[in-house]
């Protein structure tokens, strides 16, 4: 994904462009998805929104971005933080 000035988008760009909405994951993994709302105005009205799915990975990276409908985005964000339940099961804590 690229933002308007042509550089590659980062997760920080998302945080500054939209307002945090809520955690939207499943009951078993509530913190696996984030909703961002009330983003930049969309052409022909409305505002942009994004759902970010957090997946376990060894590095932090924005893996994919899709726009299934006008100004509605879905992002897959890989991060070691999403691996925390596995680490806690093994007795490793990062508190």
N, C-alpha and C. Protein backbone atom coordinates (compact mmCIF):
# COMPACT_ATOMS: atom_id res chain seq x y z
N UNK A 1 0.85 -1.17 0.00
CA UNK A 1 0.00 0.00 0.00
C UNK A 1 0.89 1.23 0.00
N UNK A 2 0.51 2.20 -0.77
CA UNK A 2 1.24 3.46 -0.80
C UNK A 2 0.30 4.58 -0.40
N UNK A 3 0.85 5.54 0.32
CA UNK A 3 0.03 6.69 0.67
C UNK A 3 0.23 7.77 -0.39
N UNK A 4 -0.47 8.85 -0.26
CA UNK A 4 -0.55 9.81 -1.36
C UNK A 4 0.79 10.36 -1.84
N UNK A 5 1.79 10.50 -0.98
CA UNK A 5 3.06 11.07 -1.44
C UNK A 5 3.96 10.03 -2.11
N UNK A 6 3.47 8.79 -2.28
CA UNK A 6 4.19 7.77 -3.03
C UNK A 6 5.06 6.86 -2.19
N UNK A 7 5.28 7.18 -0.92
CA UNK A 7 6.10 6.29 -0.11
C UNK A 7 5.25 5.15 0.43
N UNK A 8 5.90 4.09 0.84
CA UNK A 8 5.19 2.92 1.33
C UNK A 8 4.54 3.24 2.68
N UNK A 9 3.30 2.80 2.85
CA UNK A 9 2.57 3.07 4.09
C UNK A 9 3.13 2.23 5.24
N UNK A 10 3.02 2.77 6.44
CA UNK A 10 3.42 2.06 7.64
C UNK A 10 2.23 1.99 8.59
N UNK A 11 2.38 1.18 9.63
CA UNK A 11 1.32 1.08 10.63
C UNK A 11 1.13 2.43 11.31
N UNK A 12 2.20 3.19 11.47
CA UNK A 12 2.11 4.53 12.07
C UNK A 12 1.21 5.44 11.23
N UNK A 13 1.28 5.32 9.90
CA UNK A 13 0.40 6.11 9.03
C UNK A 13 -1.06 5.81 9.33
N UNK A 14 -1.38 4.54 9.55
CA UNK A 14 -2.75 4.15 9.86
C UNK A 14 -3.21 4.78 11.16
N UNK A 15 -2.35 4.74 12.17
CA UNK A 15 -2.72 5.28 13.48
C UNK A 15 -2.97 6.78 13.43
N UNK A 16 -2.25 7.51 12.58
CA UNK A 16 -2.46 8.95 12.52
C UNK A 16 -3.59 9.33 11.58
N UNK A 17 -3.97 8.46 10.65
CA UNK A 17 -5.00 8.78 9.67
C UNK A 17 -6.41 8.45 10.13
N UNK A 18 -6.55 7.56 11.12
CA UNK A 18 -7.88 7.11 11.56
C UNK A 18 -7.94 7.07 13.07
N UNK A 19 -9.16 6.96 13.58
CA UNK A 19 -9.37 6.85 15.01
C UNK A 19 -9.55 5.39 15.40
N UNK A 20 -8.94 5.05 16.54
CA UNK A 20 -9.11 3.72 17.10
C UNK A 20 -10.59 3.47 17.32
N UNK A 21 -11.06 2.29 16.96
CA UNK A 21 -12.44 1.92 17.18
C UNK A 21 -12.56 0.94 18.34
N UNK A 22 -12.14 -0.31 18.09
CA UNK A 22 -12.25 -1.33 19.14
C UNK A 22 -11.46 -2.57 18.74
N UNK A 23 -11.26 -3.47 19.72
CA UNK A 23 -10.76 -4.79 19.43
C UNK A 23 -11.92 -5.58 18.84
N UNK A 24 -11.67 -6.33 17.78
CA UNK A 24 -12.77 -6.97 17.06
C UNK A 24 -12.50 -8.44 16.74
N UNK A 25 -11.62 -9.07 17.49
CA UNK A 25 -11.31 -10.47 17.24
C UNK A 25 -12.40 -11.40 17.73
N UNK A 26 -12.13 -12.67 17.62
CA UNK A 26 -13.07 -13.71 18.06
C UNK A 26 -13.07 -13.78 19.59
N UNK A 27 -14.09 -14.39 20.20
CA UNK A 27 -14.10 -14.53 21.65
C UNK A 27 -12.85 -15.24 22.21
N UNK A 28 -12.31 -16.20 21.46
CA UNK A 28 -11.12 -16.91 21.92
C UNK A 28 -9.84 -16.08 21.77
N UNK A 29 -9.84 -15.15 20.84
CA UNK A 29 -8.67 -14.32 20.59
C UNK A 29 -9.12 -12.89 20.29
N UNK A 30 -9.65 -12.23 21.29
CA UNK A 30 -10.23 -10.89 21.14
C UNK A 30 -9.25 -9.89 20.55
N UNK A 31 -7.96 -10.03 20.83
CA UNK A 31 -6.97 -9.05 20.41
C UNK A 31 -6.32 -9.38 19.06
N UNK A 32 -6.97 -10.20 18.27
CA UNK A 32 -6.42 -10.56 16.96
C UNK A 32 -6.84 -9.62 15.85
N UNK A 33 -7.82 -8.74 16.11
CA UNK A 33 -8.25 -7.76 15.10
C UNK A 33 -8.52 -6.42 15.75
N UNK A 34 -8.18 -5.36 15.01
CA UNK A 34 -8.44 -4.00 15.46
C UNK A 34 -9.30 -3.30 14.42
N UNK A 35 -10.19 -2.46 14.88
CA UNK A 35 -11.03 -1.65 13.98
C UNK A 35 -10.62 -0.19 14.12
N UNK A 36 -10.38 0.45 13.00
CA UNK A 36 -10.12 1.89 12.95
C UNK A 36 -11.26 2.53 12.17
N UNK A 37 -11.78 3.65 12.67
CA UNK A 37 -12.95 4.29 12.07
C UNK A 37 -12.70 5.78 11.86
N UNK A 38 -13.65 6.41 11.17
CA UNK A 38 -13.64 7.87 10.98
C UNK A 38 -12.32 8.38 10.42
N UNK A 39 -11.87 7.73 9.36
CA UNK A 39 -10.63 8.12 8.71
C UNK A 39 -10.81 9.31 7.79
N UNK A 40 -9.84 9.51 6.96
CA UNK A 40 -9.88 10.60 5.99
C UNK A 40 -11.18 10.53 5.18
N UNK A 41 -11.69 11.69 4.75
CA UNK A 41 -12.91 11.67 3.93
C UNK A 41 -12.70 10.86 2.65
N UNK A 42 -13.74 10.13 2.29
CA UNK A 42 -13.72 9.32 1.09
C UNK A 42 -14.38 10.11 -0.04
N UNK A 43 -13.92 9.91 -1.26
CA UNK A 43 -14.56 10.62 -2.37
C UNK A 43 -16.02 10.19 -2.44
N UNK A 44 -16.87 11.07 -2.75
CA UNK A 44 -18.33 10.88 -2.81
C UNK A 44 -18.93 10.58 -1.45
N UNK A 45 -18.33 11.11 -0.38
CA UNK A 45 -18.91 11.03 0.96
C UNK A 45 -18.41 9.90 1.81
N UNK A 46 -18.74 9.99 3.09
CA UNK A 46 -18.33 8.97 4.05
C UNK A 46 -16.88 9.13 4.47
N UNK A 47 -16.42 8.24 5.32
CA UNK A 47 -15.02 8.27 5.75
C UNK A 47 -14.43 6.87 5.65
N UNK A 48 -13.13 6.83 5.60
CA UNK A 48 -12.43 5.56 5.45
C UNK A 48 -12.43 4.77 6.77
N UNK A 49 -12.42 3.43 6.66
CA UNK A 49 -12.29 2.57 7.83
C UNK A 49 -11.39 1.40 7.48
N UNK A 50 -10.79 0.82 8.52
CA UNK A 50 -9.85 -0.28 8.31
C UNK A 50 -9.99 -1.32 9.40
N UNK A 51 -9.93 -2.58 9.00
CA UNK A 51 -9.83 -3.70 9.93
C UNK A 51 -8.43 -4.26 9.79
N UNK A 52 -7.71 -4.34 10.91
CA UNK A 52 -6.34 -4.86 10.92
C UNK A 52 -6.34 -6.21 11.63
N UNK A 53 -5.90 -7.25 10.93
CA UNK A 53 -5.76 -8.57 11.52
C UNK A 53 -4.30 -8.76 11.91
N UNK A 54 -4.08 -9.10 13.19
CA UNK A 54 -2.73 -9.33 13.69
C UNK A 54 -2.41 -10.82 13.61
N UNK A 55 -1.30 -11.15 12.95
CA UNK A 55 -0.87 -12.53 12.84
C UNK A 55 0.52 -12.69 13.44
N UNK A 56 0.79 -13.87 13.95
CA UNK A 56 2.06 -14.17 14.58
C UNK A 56 3.17 -14.25 13.52
N UNK A 57 4.29 -13.61 13.81
CA UNK A 57 5.43 -13.68 12.91
C UNK A 57 6.69 -13.23 13.64
N UNK A 58 7.84 -13.55 13.09
CA UNK A 58 9.10 -13.22 13.75
C UNK A 58 9.50 -11.76 13.57
N UNK A 59 8.92 -11.10 12.60
CA UNK A 59 9.23 -9.68 12.38
C UNK A 59 7.94 -8.89 12.26
N UNK A 60 8.04 -7.59 12.45
CA UNK A 60 6.89 -6.71 12.34
C UNK A 60 6.81 -6.21 10.91
N UNK A 61 5.67 -6.49 10.24
CA UNK A 61 5.54 -6.11 8.84
C UNK A 61 4.07 -6.04 8.44
N UNK A 62 3.76 -5.09 7.60
CA UNK A 62 2.45 -5.00 6.97
C UNK A 62 2.49 -5.96 5.79
N UNK A 63 1.74 -7.07 5.87
CA UNK A 63 1.84 -8.13 4.88
C UNK A 63 0.95 -7.92 3.66
N UNK A 64 -0.27 -7.39 3.88
CA UNK A 64 -1.15 -7.17 2.73
C UNK A 64 -2.21 -6.13 3.07
N UNK A 65 -2.73 -5.51 2.02
CA UNK A 65 -3.81 -4.54 2.14
C UNK A 65 -4.79 -4.81 1.01
N UNK A 66 -6.07 -4.87 1.37
CA UNK A 66 -7.12 -5.08 0.37
C UNK A 66 -8.18 -4.01 0.56
N UNK A 67 -8.88 -3.69 -0.51
CA UNK A 67 -9.99 -2.75 -0.46
C UNK A 67 -11.22 -3.46 -1.04
N UNK A 68 -11.92 -4.26 -0.21
CA UNK A 68 -13.05 -5.05 -0.72
C UNK A 68 -14.24 -4.19 -1.15
N UNK A 69 -14.36 -3.01 -0.59
CA UNK A 69 -15.38 -2.06 -1.05
C UNK A 69 -14.83 -0.65 -0.88
N UNK A 70 -15.47 0.31 -1.47
CA UNK A 70 -14.98 1.68 -1.51
C UNK A 70 -14.64 2.19 -0.11
N UNK A 71 -13.37 2.53 0.08
CA UNK A 71 -12.87 3.15 1.31
C UNK A 71 -12.98 2.26 2.55
N UNK A 72 -13.11 0.96 2.35
CA UNK A 72 -13.12 -0.04 3.42
C UNK A 72 -11.88 -0.91 3.20
N UNK A 73 -10.95 -0.87 4.13
CA UNK A 73 -9.68 -1.56 3.94
C UNK A 73 -9.54 -2.72 4.93
N UNK A 74 -8.82 -3.75 4.50
CA UNK A 74 -8.48 -4.89 5.34
C UNK A 74 -6.97 -5.06 5.26
N UNK A 75 -6.31 -5.06 6.42
CA UNK A 75 -4.86 -5.20 6.46
C UNK A 75 -4.47 -6.43 7.27
N UNK A 76 -3.41 -7.09 6.82
CA UNK A 76 -2.82 -8.19 7.57
C UNK A 76 -1.48 -7.69 8.08
N UNK A 77 -1.36 -7.61 9.41
CA UNK A 77 -0.18 -7.07 10.05
C UNK A 77 0.48 -8.17 10.86
N UNK A 78 1.70 -8.52 10.50
CA UNK A 78 2.44 -9.59 11.17
C UNK A 78 3.29 -8.98 12.28
N UNK A 79 3.28 -9.60 13.47
CA UNK A 79 4.06 -9.09 14.59
C UNK A 79 4.33 -10.19 15.62
N UNK A 80 5.48 -10.16 16.27
CA UNK A 80 5.75 -11.12 17.33
C UNK A 80 4.79 -10.98 18.50
N UNK A 81 4.23 -9.82 18.70
CA UNK A 81 3.28 -9.59 19.80
C UNK A 81 2.06 -10.51 19.68
N UNK A 82 1.67 -10.83 18.46
CA UNK A 82 0.52 -11.72 18.25
C UNK A 82 0.83 -13.16 18.67
N UNK A 83 2.08 -13.46 18.94
CA UNK A 83 2.48 -14.81 19.36
C UNK A 83 2.41 -14.98 20.87
N UNK A 84 2.08 -13.96 21.61
CA UNK A 84 2.14 -13.99 23.07
C UNK A 84 1.41 -15.17 23.71
N UNK A 85 0.19 -15.54 23.31
CA UNK A 85 -0.45 -16.69 23.98
C UNK A 85 0.39 -17.96 23.91
N UNK A 86 1.08 -18.17 22.82
CA UNK A 86 1.94 -19.35 22.67
C UNK A 86 3.10 -19.26 23.65
N UNK A 87 3.70 -18.08 23.78
CA UNK A 87 4.81 -17.90 24.70
C UNK A 87 4.37 -18.13 26.14
N UNK A 88 3.20 -17.64 26.50
CA UNK A 88 2.71 -17.82 27.87
C UNK A 88 2.44 -19.28 28.18
N UNK A 89 1.98 -20.03 27.18
CA UNK A 89 1.76 -21.46 27.39
C UNK A 89 3.07 -22.18 27.69
N UNK A 90 4.15 -21.69 27.14
CA UNK A 90 5.46 -22.29 27.36
C UNK A 90 6.12 -21.78 28.64
N UNK A 91 5.46 -20.87 29.36
CA UNK A 91 6.02 -20.34 30.59
C UNK A 91 6.91 -19.14 30.41
N UNK A 92 6.88 -18.51 29.22
CA UNK A 92 7.67 -17.33 28.95
C UNK A 92 6.75 -16.13 29.01
N UNK A 93 7.11 -15.15 29.83
CA UNK A 93 6.24 -13.97 29.99
C UNK A 93 7.02 -12.72 29.58
N UNK A 94 6.31 -11.75 29.02
CA UNK A 94 6.96 -10.50 28.62
C UNK A 94 6.28 -9.33 29.33
N UNK A 95 6.13 -9.44 30.61
CA UNK A 95 5.41 -8.41 31.37
C UNK A 95 6.32 -7.31 31.84
